[in-house]
C-alpha atoms as a PDB file:
ATOM      1  CA  MET A   1       0.023   0.282  -0.002  1.00  0.00           C
ATOM      2  CA  GLY A   2       2.795   2.692   0.873  1.00  0.00           C
ATOM      3  CA  PHE A   3       4.578   1.297  -2.722  1.00  0.00           C
ATOM      4  CA  LYS A   4       1.367   2.839  -4.334  1.00  0.00           C
ATOM      5  CA  ILE A   5       0.638   5.769  -2.182  1.00  0.00           C
ATOM      6  CA  SER A   6       4.257   6.716  -2.825  1.00  0.00           C
ATOM      7  CA  VAL A   7       3.979   6.505  -6.827  1.00  0.00           C
ATOM      8  CA  MET A   8       0.352   8.181  -6.704  1.00  0.00           C
ATOM      9  CA  LEU A   9       2.268  10.950  -4.730  1.00  0.00           C
ATOM     10  CA  LYS A  10       4.908  11.135  -7.671  1.00  0.00           C
ATOM     11  CA  ARG A  11       2.264  11.142 -10.568  1.00  0.00           C
ATOM     12  CA  ALA A  12       1.282  15.057  -8.769  1.00  0.00           C
ATOM     13  CA  SER A  13       3.801  16.179 -10.468  1.00  0.00           C
ATOM     14  CA  THR A  14       4.964  19.797 -11.236  1.00  0.00           C
ATOM     15  CA  ALA A  15       3.627  19.764 -14.472  1.00  0.00           C
ATOM     16  CA  LEU A  16       0.120  19.178 -12.954  1.00  0.00           C
ATOM     17  CA  ALA A  17       0.588  21.321 -10.302  1.00  0.00           C
ATOM     18  CA  LEU A  18       1.260  24.308 -12.050  1.00  0.00           C
ATOM     19  CA  LEU A  19      -1.511  23.798 -15.114  1.00  0.00           C
ATOM     20  CA  VAL A  20      -4.062  24.396 -11.723  1.00  0.00           C
ATOM     21  CA  LEU A  21      -2.297  27.329 -11.119  1.00  0.00           C
ATOM     22  CA  LEU A  22      -3.642  28.530 -14.415  1.00  0.00           C
ATOM     23  CA  THR A  23      -7.218  28.229 -13.459  1.00  0.00           C
ATOM     24  CA  MET A  24      -7.494  28.728  -9.738  1.00  0.00           C
ATOM     25  CA  PHE A  25      -7.142  32.211  -9.544  1.00  0.00           C
ATOM     26  CA  ARG A  26      -9.572  33.434 -12.318  1.00  0.00           C
ATOM     27  CA  ALA A  27     -12.875  34.599 -11.310  1.00  0.00           C
ATOM     28  CA  ALA A  28     -14.884  31.631 -10.746  1.00  0.00           C
ATOM     29  CA  ASP A  29     -18.513  30.856 -10.404  1.00  0.00           C
ATOM     30  CA  SER A  30     -19.740  28.256  -7.897  1.00  0.00           C
ATOM     31  CA  SER A  31     -19.189  25.590 -10.744  1.00  0.00           C
ATOM     32  CA  GLU A  32     -15.683  26.648 -10.910  1.00  0.00           C
ATOM     33  CA  GLN A  33     -14.666  26.578  -7.401  1.00  0.00           C
ATOM     34  CA  SER A  34     -16.315  23.035  -6.790  1.00  0.00           C
ATOM     35  CA  ARG A  35     -14.552  21.230 -10.269  1.00  0.00           C
ATOM     36  CA  VAL A  36     -12.545  19.005  -9.605  1.00  0.00           C
ATOM     37  CA  LEU A  37      -9.072  19.585 -10.375  1.00  0.00           C
ATOM     38  CA  ILE A  38      -7.182  16.432  -8.808  1.00  0.00           C
ATOM     39  CA  LYS A  39      -8.413  13.227  -8.354  1.00  0.00           C
ATOM     40  CA  SER A  40      -6.793   9.797  -7.500  1.00  0.00           C
ATOM     41  CA  ASN A  41      -6.958   6.875  -9.822  1.00  0.00           C
ATOM     42  CA  LYS A  42      -6.676   4.534  -6.415  1.00  0.00           C
ATOM     43  CA  ILE A  43      -8.597   5.932  -3.883  1.00  0.00           C
ATOM     44  CA  SER A  44     -11.619   8.320  -3.272  1.00  0.00           C
ATOM     45  CA  VAL A  45      -9.406  11.375  -2.121  1.00  0.00           C
ATOM     46  CA  SER A  46     -10.288  14.459  -5.172  1.00  0.00           C
ATOM     47  CA  ILE A  47      -9.073  17.986  -4.652  1.00  0.00           C
ATOM     48  CA  THR A  48     -10.837  21.083  -6.131  1.00  0.00           C
ATOM     49  CA  GLN A  49     -10.605  25.452  -6.251  1.00  0.00           C
ATOM     50  CA  GLU A  50     -12.548  25.775  -3.777  1.00  0.00           C
ATOM     51  CA  ASP A  51      -9.652  23.160  -1.786  1.00  0.00           C
ATOM     52  CA  ILE A  52      -7.033  25.082  -2.715  1.00  0.00           C
ATOM     53  CA  ASP A  53      -8.441  28.474  -1.858  1.00  0.00           C
ATOM     54  CA  LEU A  54      -9.177  28.051   1.661  1.00  0.00           C
ATOM     55  CA  GLU A  55      -5.778  26.034   2.442  1.00  0.00           C
ATOM     56  CA  LEU A  56      -4.777  30.124   1.197  1.00  0.00           C
ATOM     57  CA  GLN A  57      -6.683  31.541   3.499  1.00  0.00           C
ATOM     58  CA  THR A  58      -5.078  29.630   6.682  1.00  0.00           C
ATOM     59  CA  LEU A  59      -1.943  31.549   5.614  1.00  0.00           C
ATOM     60  CA  ASN A  60      -1.483  35.108   7.155  1.00  0.00           C
ATOM     61  CA  GLN A  61      -0.862  37.680   5.151  1.00  0.00           C
ATOM     62  CA  VAL A  62       2.846  37.358   4.687  1.00  0.00           C
ATOM     63  CA  GLN A  63       2.736  34.042   3.964  1.00  0.00           C
ATOM     64  CA  ARG A  64       0.161  34.366   0.883  1.00  0.00           C
ATOM     65  CA  THR A  65       2.088  37.374  -0.678  1.00  0.00           C
ATOM     66  CA  ARG A  66       4.529  34.966  -0.558  1.00  0.00           C
ATOM     67  CA  THR A  67       3.096  31.729  -1.838  1.00  0.00           C
ATOM     68  CA  LEU A  68       1.303  33.679  -4.338  1.00  0.00           C
ATOM     69  CA  ALA A  69       4.093  34.803  -5.962  1.00  0.00           C
ATOM     70  CA  SER A  70       6.273  31.606  -6.265  1.00  0.00           C
ATOM     71  CA  ALA A  71       5.065  28.838  -9.023  1.00  0.00           C
ATOM     72  CA  SER A  72       7.012  26.870  -7.205  1.00  0.00           C
ATOM     73  CA  ALA A  73       5.744  27.847  -3.647  1.00  0.00           C
ATOM     74  CA  ILE A  74       2.034  27.164  -4.572  1.00  0.00           C
ATOM     75  CA  THR A  75       2.789  23.858  -6.528  1.00  0.00           C
ATOM     76  CA  ASN A  76       4.320  22.808  -3.265  1.00  0.00           C
ATOM     77  CA  LEU A  77       1.263  24.127  -1.499  1.00  0.00           C
ATOM     78  CA  ILE A  78      -0.913  21.654  -4.054  1.00  0.00           C
ATOM     79  CA  ASN A  79       1.167  19.079  -3.516  1.00  0.00           C
ATOM     80  CA  GLU A  80       0.867  19.044   0.242  1.00  0.00           C
ATOM     81  CA  LEU A  81      -2.394  19.269   0.138  1.00  0.00           C
ATOM     82  CA  TYR A  82      -2.889  16.274  -1.562  1.00  0.00           C
ATOM     83  CA  ARG A  83      -0.299  14.300   0.249  1.00  0.00           C
ATOM     84  CA  ARG A  84      -2.680  15.527   3.527  1.00  0.00           C
ATOM     85  CA  ARG A  85      -5.895  14.205   2.113  1.00  0.00           C
ATOM     86  CA  VAL A  86      -4.304  10.445   0.877  1.00  0.00           C
ATOM     87  CA  LEU A  87      -2.712  10.251   4.190  1.00  0.00           C
ATOM     88  CA  ALA A  88      -5.986  11.312   5.847  1.00  0.00           C
ATOM     89  CA  ASP A  89      -7.775   8.621   3.745  1.00  0.00           C
ATOM     90  CA  LEU A  90      -5.471   5.520   4.323  1.00  0.00           C
ATOM     91  CA  ALA A  91      -5.904   6.688   8.374  1.00  0.00           C
ATOM     92  CA  LYS A  92      -9.309   6.085   8.034  1.00  0.00           C
ATOM     93  CA  HIS A  93      -9.341   3.108   6.018  1.00  0.00           C
ATOM     94  CA  GLU A  94      -6.835   1.543   8.756  1.00  0.00           C
ATOM     95  CA  ASN A  95      -9.659   3.384  11.593  1.00  0.00           C
ATOM     96  CA  LEU A  96      -6.723   5.285  13.065  1.00  0.00           C
ATOM     97  CA  ASP A  97      -9.464   7.869  14.159  1.00  0.00           C
ATOM     98  CA  GLN A  98     -11.164   5.511  16.172  1.00  0.00           C
ATOM     99  CA  THR A  99      -8.256   4.724  18.640  1.00  0.00           C
ATOM    100  CA  ASP A 100      -8.246   6.375  21.786  1.00  0.00           C
ATOM    101  CA  THR A 101      -5.195   9.155  21.552  1.00  0.00           C
ATOM    102  CA  VAL A 102      -6.182   9.623  17.489  1.00  0.00           C
ATOM    103  CA  ARG A 103      -9.671  10.283  18.595  1.00  0.00           C
ATOM    104  CA  LEU A 104      -8.218  13.128  21.130  1.00  0.00           C
ATOM    105  CA  LYS A 105      -6.131  14.753  19.242  1.00  0.00           C
ATOM    106  CA  LEU A 106      -9.066  15.353  16.945  1.00  0.00           C
ATOM    107  CA  GLN A 107     -11.152  16.590  19.509  1.00  0.00           C
ATOM    108  CA  ARG A 108      -7.991  19.089  20.358  1.00  0.00           C
ATOM    109  CA  ALA A 109      -7.710  20.114  16.818  1.00  0.00           C
ATOM    110  CA  ASN A 110     -11.665  20.656  16.674  1.00  0.00           C
ATOM    111  CA  ASP A 111     -11.759  22.851  19.520  1.00  0.00           C
ATOM    112  CA  SER A 112      -8.861  24.518  19.276  1.00  0.00           C
ATOM    113  CA  VAL A 113     -10.017  25.651  15.339  1.00  0.00           C
ATOM    114  CA  LEU A 114     -13.173  26.691  17.060  1.00  0.00           C
ATOM    115  CA  SER A 115     -11.516  28.728  19.990  1.00  0.00           C
ATOM    116  CA  ASP A 116     -10.023  30.924  17.315  1.00  0.00           C
ATOM    117  CA  ALA A 117     -13.025  31.238  14.920  1.00  0.00           C
ATOM    118  CA  ALA A 118     -15.064  32.072  18.351  1.00  0.00           C
ATOM    119  CA  ILE A 119     -12.257  34.715  19.063  1.00  0.00           C
ATOM    120  CA  ASP A 120     -11.809  36.240  15.988  1.00  0.00           C
ATOM    121  CA  PHE A 121     -15.994  36.635  15.633  1.00  0.00           C
ATOM    122  CA  HIS A 122     -16.126  38.480  18.522  1.00  0.00           C
ATOM    123  CA  ARG A 123     -13.154  40.519  17.575  1.00  0.00           C
ATOM    124  CA  ARG A 124     -14.143  41.782  14.533  1.00  0.00           C
ATOM    125  CA  GLY A 125     -17.783  42.344  16.125  1.00  0.00           C
ATOM    126  CA  LEU A 126     -15.125  44.692  18.564  1.00  0.00           C
ATOM    127  CA  ILE A 127     -14.073  46.285  15.784  1.00  0.00           C
ATOM    128  CA  ALA A 128     -17.187  47.068  14.091  1.00  0.00           C
ATOM    129  CA  SER A 129     -18.895  48.352  17.103  1.00  0.00           C
ATOM    130  CA  MET A 130     -15.402  50.359  17.898  1.00  0.00           C
ATOM    131  CA  PRO A 131     -16.109  54.174  19.346  1.00  0.00           C
ATOM    132  CA  ASP A 132     -15.002  57.400  18.126  1.00  0.00           C
ATOM    133  CA  PHE A 133     -11.467  58.319  19.965  1.00  0.00           C
ATOM    134  CA  ASN A 134     -11.012  61.748  18.497  1.00  0.00           C
ATOM    135  CA  LYS A 135     -12.230  63.739  21.186  1.00  0.00           C
ATOM    136  CA  GLN A 136      -9.953  61.051  23.699  1.00  0.00           C
ATOM    137  CA  ALA A 137      -7.100  61.735  21.462  1.00  0.00           C
ATOM    138  CA  ARG A 138      -7.213  65.249  21.332  1.00  0.00           C
ATOM    139  CA  GLU A 139      -7.528  65.039  25.458  1.00  0.00           C
ATOM    140  CA  HIS A 140      -4.565  62.631  25.258  1.00  0.00           C
ATOM    141  CA  TYR A 141      -2.105  64.888  23.086  1.00  0.00           C
ATOM    142  CA  GLN A 142      -3.402  68.396  25.327  1.00  0.00           C
ATOM    143  CA  ALA A 143      -2.570  66.364  28.144  1.00  0.00           C
ATOM    144  CA  ASP A 144       1.195  65.745  27.945  1.00  0.00           C
ATOM    145  CA  PRO A 145       2.599  67.738  24.903  1.00  0.00           C
ATOM    146  CA  GLU A 146       6.061  67.133  26.021  1.00  0.00           C
ATOM    147  CA  ARG A 147       5.613  63.463  24.522  1.00  0.00           C
ATOM    148  CA  PHE A 148       5.232  65.342  20.913  1.00  0.00           C
ATOM    149  CA  LEU A 149       7.973  67.464  21.196  1.00  0.00           C
ATOM    150  CA  LYS A 150      10.055  66.865  17.976  1.00  0.00           C
ATOM    151  CA  PRO A 151      14.019  67.661  19.135  1.00  0.00           C
ATOM    152  CA  ALA A 152      15.941  69.903  16.220  1.00  0.00           C
ATOM    153  CA  SER A 153      17.459  68.593  13.387  1.00  0.00           C
ATOM    154  CA  VAL A 154      19.356  69.349  10.503  1.00  0.00           C
ATOM    155  CA  GLN A 155      19.397  68.028   6.813  1.00  0.00           C
ATOM    156  CA  VAL A 156      22.649  68.215   4.691  1.00  0.00           C
ATOM    157  CA  ARG A 157      24.426  66.564   1.918  1.00  0.00           C
ATOM    158  CA  HIS A 158      27.442  64.759   1.767  1.00  0.00           C
ATOM    159  CA  ILE A 159      30.068  63.591  -0.007  1.00  0.00           C
ATOM    160  CA  LEU A 160      31.804  60.124   0.916  1.00  0.00           C
ATOM    161  CA  PHE A 161      35.493  59.322   0.525  1.00  0.00           C
ATOM    162  CA  GLU A 162      35.266  55.589   1.517  1.00  0.00           C
ATOM    163  CA  SER A 163      38.298  53.930   3.277  1.00  0.00           C
ATOM    164  CA  LYS A 164      37.733  50.786   4.849  1.00  0.00           C
ATOM    165  CA  THR A 165      41.460  50.194   6.495  1.00  0.00           C
ATOM    166  CA  PRO A 166      43.679  52.823   8.442  1.00  0.00           C
ATOM    167  CA  GLU A 167      45.976  52.369   5.077  1.00  0.00           C
ATOM    168  CA  THR A 168      43.557  54.239   3.115  1.00  0.00           C
ATOM    169  CA  VAL A 169      42.230  57.319   5.005  1.00  0.00           C
ATOM    170  CA  GLU A 170      45.338  59.491   3.940  1.00  0.00           C
ATOM    171  CA  ALA A 171      44.154  58.944   0.336  1.00  0.00           C
ATOM    172  CA  ALA A 172      40.766  59.672   0.899  1.00  0.00           C
ATOM    173  CA  LEU A 173      41.562  63.168   3.125  1.00  0.00           C
ATOM    174  CA  ASN A 174      43.757  64.055   0.380  1.00  0.00           C
ATOM    175  CA  LYS A 175      40.641  63.597  -2.035  1.00  0.00           C
ATOM    176  CA  ALA A 176      38.228  65.518   0.524  1.00  0.00           C
ATOM    177  CA  ALA A 177      40.631  68.344   0.944  1.00  0.00           C
ATOM    178  CA  LYS A 178      41.337  68.341  -3.368  1.00  0.00           C
ATOM    179  CA  LEU A 179      37.570  68.615  -3.809  1.00  0.00           C
ATOM    180  CA  GLN A 180      36.858  71.193  -1.037  1.00  0.00           C
ATOM    181  CA  GLU A 181      39.509  73.812  -2.932  1.00  0.00           C
ATOM    182  CA  GLU A 182      36.971  72.908  -5.664  1.00  0.00           C
ATOM    183  CA  LEU A 183      34.037  73.750  -3.989  1.00  0.00           C
ATOM    184  CA  GLU A 184      34.865  76.627  -2.523  1.00  0.00           C
ATOM    185  CA  ALA A 185      35.826  78.119  -5.683  1.00  0.00           C
ATOM    186  CA  GLY A 186      32.288  77.305  -6.872  1.00  0.00           C
ATOM    187  CA  HIS A 187      31.853  74.138  -7.523  1.00  0.00           C
ATOM    188  CA  GLY A 188      28.371  73.056  -7.244  1.00  0.00           C
ATOM    189  CA  PHE A 189      28.088  70.630  -4.070  1.00  0.00           C
ATOM    190  CA  ALA A 190      24.971  68.443  -5.555  1.00  0.00           C
ATOM    191  CA  ASP A 191      26.958  67.885  -9.077  1.00  0.00           C
ATOM    192  CA  ALA A 192      30.546  66.547  -7.113  1.00  0.00           C
ATOM    193  CA  ALA A 193      28.129  64.625  -4.962  1.00  0.00           C
ATOM    194  CA  LYS A 194      26.697  62.623  -7.938  1.00  0.00           C
ATOM    195  CA  GLU A 195      30.200  62.206  -9.657  1.00  0.00           C
ATOM    196  CA  HIS A 196      32.541  62.097  -6.806  1.00  0.00           C
ATOM    197  CA  SER A 197      30.944  60.309  -3.747  1.00  0.00           C
ATOM    198  CA  ASP A 198      31.112  56.674  -2.774  1.00  0.00           C
ATOM    199  CA  ASP A 199      27.774  56.516  -1.094  1.00  0.00           C
ATOM    200  CA  PRO A 200      25.168  55.518  -4.123  1.00  0.00           C
ATOM    201  CA  VAL A 201      22.189  55.725  -2.448  1.00  0.00           C
ATOM    202  CA  SER A 202      22.523  59.697  -1.559  1.00  0.00           C
ATOM    203  CA  ALA A 203      24.211  60.221  -4.651  1.00  0.00           C
ATOM    204  CA  ARG A 204      21.813  59.782  -6.747  1.00  0.00           C
ATOM    205  CA  GLU A 205      20.024  62.331  -4.665  1.00  0.00           C
ATOM    206  CA  GLY A 206      23.075  64.932  -4.973  1.00  0.00           C
ATOM    207  CA  GLY A 207      24.855  63.630  -1.762  1.00  0.00           C
ATOM    208  CA  LEU A 208      21.310  64.722   0.224  1.00  0.00           C
ATOM    209  CA  LEU A 209      20.464  62.975   3.068  1.00  0.00           C
ATOM    210  CA  ASP A 210      17.053  63.046   5.519  1.00  0.00           C
ATOM    211  CA  PRO A 211      16.696  65.028   8.587  1.00  0.00           C
ATOM    212  CA  PHE A 212      18.203  64.010  11.859  1.00  0.00           C
ATOM    213  CA  SER A 213      18.218  64.748  14.943  1.00  0.00           C
ATOM    214  CA  ILE A 214      20.731  63.934  17.980  1.00  0.00           C
ATOM    215  CA  GLY A 215      21.674  60.589  18.411  1.00  0.00           C
ATOM    216  CA  GLN A 216      20.551  59.358  14.844  1.00  0.00           C
ATOM    217  CA  MET A 217      24.237  59.373  13.383  1.00  0.00           C
ATOM    218  CA  VAL A 218      27.471  58.662  14.013  1.00  0.00           C
ATOM    219  CA  PRO A 219      28.813  61.218  16.437  1.00  0.00           C
ATOM    220  CA  ALA A 220      31.913  62.632  14.743  1.00  0.00           C
ATOM    221  CA  PHE A 221      29.530  63.062  11.325  1.00  0.00           C
ATOM    222  CA  GLU A 222      26.487  64.236  13.461  1.00  0.00           C
ATOM    223  CA  GLN A 223      28.800  66.607  15.748  1.00  0.00           C
ATOM    224  CA  THR A 224      29.728  68.118  12.711  1.00  0.00           C
ATOM    225  CA  ALA A 225      26.526  68.776  11.112  1.00  0.00           C
ATOM    226  CA  PHE A 226      25.359  70.551  14.247  1.00  0.00           C
ATOM    227  CA  ALA A 227      28.536  72.651  14.155  1.00  0.00           C
ATOM    228  CA  LEU A 228      27.764  74.319  10.429  1.00  0.00           C
ATOM    229  CA  GLU A 229      25.644  77.267  11.215  1.00  0.00           C
ATOM    230  CA  THR A 230      24.545  78.967   7.820  1.00  0.00           C
ATOM    231  CA  PRO A 231      22.620  76.958   4.934  1.00  0.00           C
ATOM    232  CA  GLY A 232      25.521  76.231   2.178  1.00  0.00           C
ATOM    233  CA  GLU A 233      28.591  76.197   4.427  1.00  0.00           C
ATOM    234  CA  ILE A 234      30.847  73.350   3.543  1.00  0.00           C
ATOM    235  CA  SER A 235      32.839  71.973   6.494  1.00  0.00           C
ATOM    236  CA  GLU A 236      36.059  70.412   6.836  1.00  0.00           C
ATOM    237  CA  PRO A 237      37.205  66.554   6.168  1.00  0.00           C
ATOM    238  CA  VAL A 238      35.367  64.155   8.503  1.00  0.00           C
ATOM    239  CA  VAL A 239      36.514  60.800   9.572  1.00  0.00           C
ATOM    240  CA  THR A 240      34.468  58.461  10.134  1.00  0.00           C
ATOM    241  CA  GLN A 241      34.158  54.566  10.283  1.00  0.00           C
ATOM    242  CA  TYR A 242      32.664  54.864   6.742  1.00  0.00           C
ATOM    243  CA  GLY A 243      35.694  56.951   5.325  1.00  0.00           C
ATOM    244  CA  VAL A 244      36.109  60.806   4.693  1.00  0.00           C
ATOM    245  CA  HIS A 245      33.002  62.719   4.517  1.00  0.00           C
ATOM    246  CA  LEU A 246      32.816  66.770   3.004  1.00  0.00           C
ATOM    247  CA  ILE A 247      28.979  68.274   4.549  1.00  0.00           C
ATOM    248  CA  GLN A 248      27.156  70.601   3.248  1.00  0.00           C
ATOM    249  CA  LEU A 249      24.216  72.342   5.639  1.00  0.00           C
ATOM    250  CA  VAL A 250      20.914  72.666   3.671  1.00  0.00           C
ATOM    251  CA  LYS A 251      19.043  73.560   6.603  1.00  0.00           C
ATOM    252  CA  LYS A 252      18.583  73.864  10.633  1.00  0.00           C
ATOM    253  CA  ILE A 253      15.296  72.596  11.913  1.00  0.00           C
ATOM    254  CA  PRO A 254      14.232  73.831  15.518  1.00  0.00           C
ATOM    255  CA  ALA A 255      12.711  72.098  18.071  1.00  0.00           C
ATOM    256  CA  HIS A 256       8.952  72.205  17.748  1.00  0.00           C
ATOM    257  CA  GLN A 257       5.651  70.847  18.988  1.00  0.00           C
ATOM    258  CA  LYS A 258       3.999  68.291  16.784  1.00  0.00           C
ATOM    259  CA  SER A 259       0.376  69.371  15.426  1.00  0.00           C
ATOM    260  CA  PHE A 260      -2.212  67.728  16.944  1.00  0.00           C
ATOM    261  CA  ASP A 261      -3.089  66.398  13.073  1.00  0.00           C
ATOM    262  CA  GLU A 262       0.778  65.386  12.928  1.00  0.00           C
ATOM    263  CA  VAL A 263       0.144  62.740  15.670  1.00  0.00           C
ATOM    264  CA  LYS A 264      -4.072  62.205  15.629  1.00  0.00           C
ATOM    265  CA  PRO A 265      -3.762  58.977  13.309  1.00  0.00           C
ATOM    266  CA  GLY A 266      -1.007  57.171  16.128  1.00  0.00           C
ATOM    267  CA  LEU A 267      -3.182  58.400  19.124  1.00  0.00           C
ATOM    268  CA  ILE A 268      -6.260  57.573  17.504  1.00  0.00           C
ATOM    269  CA  SER A 269      -4.315  53.813  16.826  1.00  0.00           C
ATOM    270  CA  SER A 270      -2.966  53.416  20.391  1.00  0.00           C
ATOM    271  CA  LEU A 271      -6.140  53.943  21.948  1.00  0.00           C
ATOM    272  CA  GLN A 272      -7.903  51.789  19.594  1.00  0.00           C
ATOM    273  CA  GLN A 273      -5.818  48.815  20.351  1.00  0.00           C
ATOM    274  CA  GLU A 274      -5.634  49.036  23.967  1.00  0.00           C
ATOM    275  CA  TRP A 275      -9.712  49.614  23.950  1.00  0.00           C
ATOM    276  CA  LEU A 276      -9.436  46.144  21.584  1.00  0.00           C
ATOM    277  CA  LYS A 277      -7.507  44.659  24.195  1.00  0.00           C
ATOM    278  CA  GLN A 278      -8.971  45.650  26.995  1.00  0.00           C
ATOM    279  CA  SER A 279     -12.290  44.533  25.463  1.00  0.00           C
ATOM    280  CA  MET A 280     -11.419  41.034  24.339  1.00  0.00           C
ATOM    281  CA  GLN A 281     -10.069  40.535  27.974  1.00  0.00           C
ATOM    282  CA  ARG A 282     -12.870  41.285  29.922  1.00  0.00           C
ATOM    283  CA  TRP A 283     -15.263  39.149  27.251  1.00  0.00           C
ATOM    284  CA  LEU A 284     -12.580  36.262  27.302  1.00  0.00           C
ATOM    285  CA  ASP A 285     -12.736  36.407  31.608  1.00  0.00           C
ATOM    286  CA  GLU A 286     -16.782  36.471  31.097  1.00  0.00           C
ATOM    287  CA  VAL A 287     -17.132  33.743  29.348  1.00  0.00           C
ATOM    288  CA  SER A 288     -14.124  31.456  30.049  1.00  0.00           C
ATOM    289  CA  GLY A 289     -12.730  33.210  33.551  1.00  0.00           C
ATOM    290  CA  PRO A 290     -12.781  31.682  37.407  1.00  0.00           C
ATOM    291  CA  ASP A 291     -16.327  33.271  37.752  1.00  0.00           C
ATOM    292  CA  SER A 292     -18.148  31.209  34.669  1.00  0.00           C
ATOM    293  CA  ALA A 293     -17.658  27.959  36.463  1.00  0.00           C
ATOM    294  CA  THR A 294     -17.412  26.002  39.727  1.00  0.00           C
ATOM    295  CA  VAL A 295     -14.409  23.783  40.739  1.00  0.00           C
ATOM    296  CA  ASP A 296     -14.761  20.898  42.741  1.00  0.00           C
ATOM    297  CA  ILE A 297     -11.973  21.633  44.824  1.00  0.00           C
ATOM    298  CA  GLU A 298     -11.690  18.013  46.534  1.00  0.00           C
ATOM    299  CA  ALA A 299     -11.994  16.100  42.997  1.00  0.00           C
ATOM    300  CA  LEU A 300      -9.266  18.882  41.573  1.00  0.00           C
ATOM    301  CA  GLU A 301      -7.215  18.287  44.539  1.00  0.00           C
ATOM    302  CA  SER A 302      -7.686  14.517  44.062  1.00  0.00           C
ATOM    303  CA  THR A 303      -6.436  14.736  40.679  1.00  0.00           C
ATOM    304  CA  LEU A 304      -3.797  17.102  41.189  1.00  0.00           C
ATOM    305  CA  GLN A 305      -2.350  14.545  43.580  1.00  0.00           C
ATOM    306  CA  GLN A 306      -2.690  11.484  41.249  1.00  0.00           C
ATOM    307  CA  LEU A 307      -1.020  13.053  38.514  1.00  0.00           C
ATOM    308  CA  THR A 308       1.714  14.999  40.677  1.00  0.00           C
ATOM    309  CA  GLY A 309       1.836  13.204  44.009  1.00  0.00           C
ATOM    310  CA  GLU A 310       1.831  16.582  46.054  1.00  0.00           C
ATOM    311  CA  ASN A 311      -1.822  18.435  47.322  1.00  0.00           C
ATOM    312  CA  ALA A 312      -3.303  21.612  45.771  1.00  0.00           C
ATOM    313  CA  SER A 313      -4.429  24.873  48.195  1.00  0.00           C
ATOM    314  CA  PRO A 314      -7.502  26.158  46.948  1.00  0.00           C
ATOM    315  CA  ALA A 315      -5.329  29.568  46.438  1.00  0.00           C
ATOM    316  CA  GLN A 316      -3.444  27.888  43.394  1.00  0.00           C
ATOM    317  CA  HIS A 317      -6.341  27.187  41.392  1.00  0.00           C
END
């Protein structure tokens, strides 16, 4: 029997799975959904497009996106689904589903699926009835304004002369000094960055970096950037672990209070998550917490003693 199953699994080939792939994701009516795509020649096992759609729904969003982007991943999913169906049918044929161990495992799996479904159902109901947190968000904003203070920052352009070893630093410093003279003579910094910088990402933008505040860059680079005073001012060459930099100040951005509109989405999202978490916990406590059941302390202690050899006090329950 094992040899026959192995042969059948091999017949569920990549070519067959890819043929299924071509049809399974088209818009389909109910008849197409129930159409049999794979059918065993030996036992009563089949796979429909609906089966594959349902299998995809068990994946989280990241897994589903990754699977749908790869023909080989979908092939593996289809083959694994078929394999499970074949082996499950074999187990039933041998009455393995009637053994105590398997019945308990099936009951546990059933309880787990239904438990997750109940939680998801209640969560969706809470989300649908979620209150408006605009007023509460504004109150949070007004109650703690310092929390929304944006620190001072600067925006600069830079040109990097890469030097990965101490031996190459001197050569990089010489290149930086020579280019600095050209920049002071009027050569455009952005053009020079595109031509000379070893930082390929910023070089495409003329050396322009996003604004940054204290603590976001390596110390030597940061200290030099913040020491520049006038837009257009160019620093002396600066050595960091990345190499030698020339830095030009674009603008200084003073510390300022973020507006309510800037922080509103984040505040509301945080309030919603907290409300949902607390609401779910209250519901779980109500339906399955200590007050939802009557405990036979004597029977419980007897069971615990049998299992562990130790007595359990009521405070432990």
